[in-house]
Amino acid sequence: MSQEIVCGTLAKLEFTEADARVYLCLAKKGPQKGKDLYVSLKMTKQQIYRCLKNLQKKGVVNSSCNRPAIFYAVPFEKILDLIIESNKEKVKALRANKEELVSSWRSILSLDFVS
């Protein structure tokens, strides 16, 4: 049950199933090289590095400057903060556009549709 809750939370940040698997592996096992990830997760090298790139863009995975790079998950609490901030921005945008949206909705409802 608890893993379902966490996966649902990750889905709110638009994690794919593969992204979630990579993040959870890093969170559980600690910093890993890309090769270690694709061996332990039984994914292709391309899949792993695509996921790592997606996760880095979201700000939930970081890497070292070393070669080969070592990847590590940011704390789950940070992900929750990212989701909270994202939702605050969505609410702010809705509030800013509420009157225009309501006006547009009313004009749609008042249109006479001709069959």
N, C-alpha and C. Protein backbone atom coordinates (compact mmCIF):
# COMPACT_ATOMS: atom_id res chain seq x y z
N MET A 1 0.82 -1.20 0.00
CA MET A 1 0.00 0.00 0.00
C MET A 1 0.85 1.25 0.00
N SER A 2 1.89 1.30 0.83
CA SER A 2 2.70 2.52 0.92
C SER A 2 3.45 2.79 -0.38
N GLN A 3 3.87 1.72 -1.08
CA GLN A 3 4.55 1.94 -2.36
C GLN A 3 3.59 2.51 -3.39
N GLU A 4 2.31 2.12 -3.33
CA GLU A 4 1.30 2.66 -4.23
C GLU A 4 1.13 4.16 -3.99
N ILE A 5 1.15 4.57 -2.74
CA ILE A 5 1.01 5.99 -2.40
C ILE A 5 2.20 6.78 -2.95
N VAL A 6 3.39 6.24 -2.75
CA VAL A 6 4.59 6.92 -3.25
C VAL A 6 4.57 6.99 -4.78
N CYS A 7 4.22 5.90 -5.44
CA CYS A 7 4.16 5.90 -6.90
C CYS A 7 3.11 6.88 -7.42
N GLY A 8 1.99 6.99 -6.71
CA GLY A 8 0.97 7.97 -7.07
C GLY A 8 1.49 9.40 -6.94
N THR A 9 2.27 9.63 -5.93
CA THR A 9 2.88 10.95 -5.72
C THR A 9 3.86 11.24 -6.86
N LEU A 10 4.66 10.26 -7.21
CA LEU A 10 5.62 10.45 -8.30
C LEU A 10 4.90 10.69 -9.62
N ALA A 11 3.76 10.05 -9.81
CA ALA A 11 2.99 10.26 -11.03
C ALA A 11 2.53 11.71 -11.16
N LYS A 12 2.33 12.39 -10.03
CA LYS A 12 1.94 13.80 -10.07
C LYS A 12 3.03 14.68 -10.66
N LEU A 13 4.27 14.20 -10.62
CA LEU A 13 5.38 14.91 -11.26
C LEU A 13 5.66 14.33 -12.65
N GLU A 14 4.69 13.58 -13.14
CA GLU A 14 4.75 12.98 -14.47
C GLU A 14 5.93 12.04 -14.63
N PHE A 15 6.20 11.25 -13.62
CA PHE A 15 7.19 10.18 -13.73
C PHE A 15 6.59 9.06 -14.57
N THR A 16 7.37 8.50 -15.47
CA THR A 16 6.96 7.26 -16.12
C THR A 16 7.21 6.14 -15.13
N GLU A 17 6.72 4.96 -15.44
CA GLU A 17 6.98 3.80 -14.58
C GLU A 17 8.49 3.55 -14.49
N ALA A 18 9.18 3.68 -15.63
CA ALA A 18 10.63 3.47 -15.64
C ALA A 18 11.34 4.53 -14.80
N ASP A 19 10.90 5.80 -14.92
CA ASP A 19 11.49 6.88 -14.10
C ASP A 19 11.34 6.56 -12.61
N ALA A 20 10.16 6.10 -12.23
CA ALA A 20 9.90 5.78 -10.83
C ALA A 20 10.80 4.64 -10.36
N ARG A 21 10.99 3.62 -11.21
CA ARG A 21 11.86 2.50 -10.83
C ARG A 21 13.30 2.98 -10.61
N VAL A 22 13.78 3.85 -11.50
CA VAL A 22 15.15 4.36 -11.36
C VAL A 22 15.28 5.20 -10.10
N TYR A 23 14.32 6.11 -9.88
CA TYR A 23 14.37 6.96 -8.69
C TYR A 23 14.35 6.10 -7.42
N LEU A 24 13.42 5.15 -7.36
CA LEU A 24 13.30 4.31 -6.16
C LEU A 24 14.56 3.48 -5.92
N CYS A 25 15.19 3.00 -6.99
CA CYS A 25 16.43 2.25 -6.85
C CYS A 25 17.52 3.14 -6.25
N LEU A 26 17.65 4.36 -6.77
CA LEU A 26 18.65 5.28 -6.24
C LEU A 26 18.35 5.65 -4.78
N ALA A 27 17.08 5.84 -4.49
CA ALA A 27 16.70 6.21 -3.12
C ALA A 27 16.98 5.07 -2.13
N LYS A 28 16.73 3.84 -2.56
CA LYS A 28 16.93 2.69 -1.68
C LYS A 28 18.40 2.30 -1.54
N LYS A 29 19.10 2.26 -2.68
CA LYS A 29 20.48 1.74 -2.68
C LYS A 29 21.54 2.80 -2.53
N GLY A 30 21.15 4.07 -2.70
CA GLY A 30 22.14 5.13 -2.63
C GLY A 30 22.78 5.40 -3.98
N PRO A 31 23.77 6.28 -4.03
CA PRO A 31 24.40 6.67 -5.29
C PRO A 31 24.87 5.46 -6.12
N GLN A 32 24.62 5.56 -7.43
CA GLN A 32 24.95 4.46 -8.35
C GLN A 32 25.51 5.01 -9.65
N LYS A 33 26.33 4.21 -10.30
CA LYS A 33 26.75 4.50 -11.67
C LYS A 33 25.63 4.03 -12.59
N GLY A 34 25.58 4.62 -13.78
CA GLY A 34 24.57 4.20 -14.75
C GLY A 34 24.61 2.71 -15.01
N LYS A 35 25.82 2.16 -15.14
CA LYS A 35 25.96 0.73 -15.40
C LYS A 35 25.35 -0.10 -14.28
N ASP A 36 25.57 0.31 -13.05
CA ASP A 36 25.00 -0.42 -11.91
C ASP A 36 23.47 -0.42 -11.98
N LEU A 37 22.92 0.70 -12.43
CA LEU A 37 21.46 0.81 -12.52
C LEU A 37 20.89 -0.13 -13.58
N TYR A 38 21.50 -0.13 -14.78
CA TYR A 38 20.90 -0.97 -15.81
C TYR A 38 21.14 -2.44 -15.56
N VAL A 39 22.16 -2.79 -14.81
CA VAL A 39 22.36 -4.20 -14.43
C VAL A 39 21.32 -4.60 -13.38
N SER A 40 21.17 -3.80 -12.32
CA SER A 40 20.26 -4.18 -11.23
C SER A 40 18.79 -4.07 -11.63
N LEU A 41 18.45 -3.12 -12.51
CA LEU A 41 17.05 -2.95 -12.91
C LEU A 41 16.69 -3.75 -14.16
N LYS A 42 17.70 -4.37 -14.78
CA LYS A 42 17.48 -5.15 -16.00
C LYS A 42 16.80 -4.32 -17.09
N MET A 43 17.33 -3.12 -17.26
CA MET A 43 16.86 -2.21 -18.31
C MET A 43 18.03 -1.98 -19.26
N THR A 44 17.72 -1.49 -20.46
CA THR A 44 18.80 -1.21 -21.39
C THR A 44 19.53 0.06 -20.96
N LYS A 45 20.74 0.18 -21.45
CA LYS A 45 21.55 1.37 -21.17
C LYS A 45 20.81 2.63 -21.63
N GLN A 46 20.20 2.56 -22.81
CA GLN A 46 19.47 3.71 -23.35
C GLN A 46 18.30 4.09 -22.46
N GLN A 47 17.56 3.10 -21.97
CA GLN A 47 16.42 3.37 -21.08
C GLN A 47 16.88 4.06 -19.80
N ILE A 48 17.95 3.55 -19.22
CA ILE A 48 18.45 4.12 -17.97
C ILE A 48 18.86 5.57 -18.16
N TYR A 49 19.65 5.84 -19.20
CA TYR A 49 20.13 7.20 -19.38
C TYR A 49 19.02 8.16 -19.79
N ARG A 50 17.98 7.67 -20.48
CA ARG A 50 16.81 8.50 -20.79
C ARG A 50 16.09 8.86 -19.50
N CYS A 51 15.92 7.86 -18.64
CA CYS A 51 15.26 8.10 -17.34
C CYS A 51 16.07 9.07 -16.49
N LEU A 52 17.38 8.86 -16.43
CA LEU A 52 18.22 9.74 -15.63
C LEU A 52 18.14 11.18 -16.13
N LYS A 53 18.10 11.35 -17.45
CA LYS A 53 17.98 12.70 -18.02
C LYS A 53 16.64 13.32 -17.63
N ASN A 54 15.56 12.55 -17.73
CA ASN A 54 14.23 13.05 -17.34
C ASN A 54 14.21 13.44 -15.86
N LEU A 55 14.78 12.58 -15.03
CA LEU A 55 14.78 12.83 -13.59
C LEU A 55 15.64 14.03 -13.21
N GLN A 56 16.74 14.23 -13.93
CA GLN A 56 17.58 15.40 -13.67
C GLN A 56 16.84 16.67 -14.08
N LYS A 57 16.10 16.64 -15.19
CA LYS A 57 15.31 17.80 -15.61
C LYS A 57 14.26 18.17 -14.57
N LYS A 58 13.70 17.16 -13.93
CA LYS A 58 12.68 17.39 -12.90
C LYS A 58 13.31 17.85 -11.58
N GLY A 59 14.61 17.71 -11.47
CA GLY A 59 15.31 18.14 -10.26
C GLY A 59 15.27 17.13 -9.13
N VAL A 60 15.03 15.86 -9.47
CA VAL A 60 14.93 14.85 -8.42
C VAL A 60 16.10 13.87 -8.40
N VAL A 61 16.98 13.99 -9.38
CA VAL A 61 18.22 13.20 -9.41
C VAL A 61 19.34 14.15 -9.79
N ASN A 62 20.46 14.00 -9.12
CA ASN A 62 21.66 14.78 -9.44
C ASN A 62 22.78 13.82 -9.76
N SER A 63 23.87 14.36 -10.32
CA SER A 63 25.01 13.50 -10.64
C SER A 63 26.30 14.19 -10.26
N SER A 64 27.33 13.37 -10.10
CA SER A 64 28.65 13.90 -9.81
C SER A 64 29.28 14.37 -11.11
N CYS A 65 30.37 15.10 -11.01
CA CYS A 65 31.10 15.54 -12.19
C CYS A 65 32.12 14.50 -12.64
N ASN A 66 32.29 13.46 -11.85
CA ASN A 66 33.26 12.41 -12.16
C ASN A 66 32.85 11.65 -13.41
N ARG A 67 33.81 10.96 -13.99
CA ARG A 67 33.54 10.06 -15.10
C ARG A 67 34.02 8.69 -14.72
N PRO A 68 33.19 7.69 -14.70
CA PRO A 68 31.75 7.75 -14.98
C PRO A 68 31.00 8.47 -13.86
N ALA A 69 29.92 9.12 -14.28
CA ALA A 69 29.12 9.88 -13.32
C ALA A 69 28.44 8.95 -12.32
N ILE A 70 28.26 9.46 -11.13
CA ILE A 70 27.51 8.75 -10.10
C ILE A 70 26.23 9.54 -9.87
N PHE A 71 25.10 8.85 -9.93
CA PHE A 71 23.79 9.48 -9.81
C PHE A 71 23.22 9.22 -8.43
N TYR A 72 22.51 10.22 -7.91
CA TYR A 72 21.89 10.05 -6.60
C TYR A 72 20.55 10.78 -6.56
N ALA A 73 19.65 10.20 -5.79
CA ALA A 73 18.30 10.74 -5.65
C ALA A 73 18.29 11.86 -4.62
N VAL A 74 17.53 12.90 -4.90
CA VAL A 74 17.32 13.92 -3.88
C VAL A 74 16.33 13.33 -2.88
N PRO A 75 16.30 13.81 -1.65
CA PRO A 75 15.37 13.27 -0.66
C PRO A 75 13.91 13.40 -1.11
N PHE A 76 13.11 12.41 -0.73
CA PHE A 76 11.69 12.39 -1.11
C PHE A 76 10.97 13.65 -0.63
N GLU A 77 11.40 14.18 0.51
CA GLU A 77 10.80 15.41 1.03
C GLU A 77 10.92 16.55 0.02
N LYS A 78 12.04 16.59 -0.70
CA LYS A 78 12.26 17.62 -1.72
C LYS A 78 11.26 17.45 -2.86
N ILE A 79 10.96 16.20 -3.21
CA ILE A 79 9.96 15.94 -4.25
C ILE A 79 8.60 16.46 -3.80
N LEU A 80 8.26 16.23 -2.56
CA LEU A 80 6.99 16.74 -2.05
C LEU A 80 6.95 18.26 -2.12
N ASP A 81 8.06 18.91 -1.79
CA ASP A 81 8.14 20.37 -1.90
C ASP A 81 7.93 20.82 -3.35
N LEU A 82 8.52 20.09 -4.30
CA LEU A 82 8.35 20.42 -5.72
C LEU A 82 6.89 20.31 -6.15
N ILE A 83 6.22 19.27 -5.69
CA ILE A 83 4.80 19.08 -6.02
C ILE A 83 3.96 20.20 -5.41
N ILE A 84 4.25 20.54 -4.18
CA ILE A 84 3.51 21.62 -3.50
C ILE A 84 3.68 22.93 -4.26
N GLU A 85 4.92 23.26 -4.63
CA GLU A 85 5.17 24.50 -5.37
C GLU A 85 4.48 24.49 -6.72
N SER A 86 4.53 23.37 -7.41
CA SER A 86 3.88 23.25 -8.71
C SER A 86 2.38 23.49 -8.58
N ASN A 87 1.77 22.91 -7.56
CA ASN A 87 0.34 23.10 -7.36
C ASN A 87 0.00 24.53 -6.97
N LYS A 88 0.87 25.17 -6.20
CA LYS A 88 0.64 26.58 -5.84
C LYS A 88 0.62 27.44 -7.11
N GLU A 89 1.54 27.16 -8.04
CA GLU A 89 1.60 27.92 -9.28
C GLU A 89 0.35 27.69 -10.13
N LYS A 90 -0.14 26.46 -10.15
CA LYS A 90 -1.36 26.16 -10.91
C LYS A 90 -2.56 26.91 -10.33
N VAL A 91 -2.67 26.91 -9.00
CA VAL A 91 -3.77 27.62 -8.34
C VAL A 91 -3.67 29.12 -8.62
N LYS A 92 -2.47 29.66 -8.55
CA LYS A 92 -2.26 31.08 -8.81
C LYS A 92 -2.69 31.43 -10.24
N ALA A 93 -2.33 30.59 -11.20
CA ALA A 93 -2.70 30.83 -12.59
C ALA A 93 -4.21 30.75 -12.77
N LEU A 94 -4.85 29.80 -12.12
CA LEU A 94 -6.32 29.69 -12.20
C LEU A 94 -6.99 30.91 -11.61
N ARG A 95 -6.50 31.37 -10.47
CA ARG A 95 -7.08 32.56 -9.84
C ARG A 95 -6.93 33.78 -10.75
N ALA A 96 -5.77 33.90 -11.37
CA ALA A 96 -5.52 35.06 -12.23
C ALA A 96 -6.42 35.05 -13.46
N ASN A 97 -6.79 33.87 -13.94
CA ASN A 97 -7.58 33.76 -15.16
C ASN A 97 -9.04 33.40 -14.91
N LYS A 98 -9.45 33.36 -13.65
CA LYS A 98 -10.79 32.90 -13.30
C LYS A 98 -11.89 33.69 -14.01
N GLU A 99 -11.83 34.99 -13.93
CA GLU A 99 -12.89 35.81 -14.53
C GLU A 99 -12.98 35.60 -16.03
N GLU A 100 -11.85 35.57 -16.69
CA GLU A 100 -11.84 35.35 -18.14
C GLU A 100 -12.39 33.96 -18.49
N LEU A 101 -12.01 32.96 -17.70
CA LEU A 101 -12.50 31.61 -17.94
C LEU A 101 -14.01 31.52 -17.73
N VAL A 102 -14.51 32.14 -16.67
CA VAL A 102 -15.95 32.12 -16.40
C VAL A 102 -16.70 32.85 -17.51
N SER A 103 -16.16 33.97 -17.96
CA SER A 103 -16.78 34.72 -19.04
C SER A 103 -16.82 33.88 -20.33
N SER A 104 -15.74 33.22 -20.62
CA SER A 104 -15.69 32.36 -21.81
C SER A 104 -16.69 31.22 -21.68
N TRP A 105 -16.77 30.64 -20.49
CA TRP A 105 -17.71 29.55 -20.26
C TRP A 105 -19.15 30.01 -20.47
N ARG A 106 -19.48 31.19 -19.95
CA ARG A 106 -20.84 31.72 -20.10
C ARG A 106 -21.17 31.99 -21.56
N SER A 107 -20.18 32.49 -22.31
CA SER A 107 -20.45 32.75 -23.73
C SER A 107 -20.64 31.44 -24.50
N ILE A 108 -19.96 30.40 -24.10
CA ILE A 108 -20.14 29.09 -24.74
C ILE A 108 -21.56 28.58 -24.46
N LEU A 109 -22.00 28.72 -23.22
CA LEU A 109 -23.33 28.24 -22.84
C LEU A 109 -24.44 29.03 -23.53
N SER A 110 -24.20 30.29 -23.83
CA SER A 110 -25.25 31.11 -24.41
C SER A 110 -25.30 31.01 -25.93
N LEU A 111 -24.34 30.34 -26.53
CA LEU A 111 -24.37 30.16 -27.99
C LEU A 111 -25.52 29.25 -28.39
N ASP A 112 -26.17 29.65 -29.49
CA ASP A 112 -27.22 28.79 -30.05
C ASP A 112 -26.57 27.88 -31.06
N PHE A 113 -26.62 26.61 -30.81
CA PHE A 113 -26.03 25.65 -31.74
C PHE A 113 -27.06 25.28 -32.79
N VAL A 114 -26.65 25.38 -34.03
CA VAL A 114 -27.51 25.04 -35.14
C VAL A 114 -27.14 23.63 -35.61
N SER A 115 -28.14 22.77 -35.73
CA SER A 115 -27.88 21.39 -36.15
C SER A 115 -27.76 21.30 -37.63
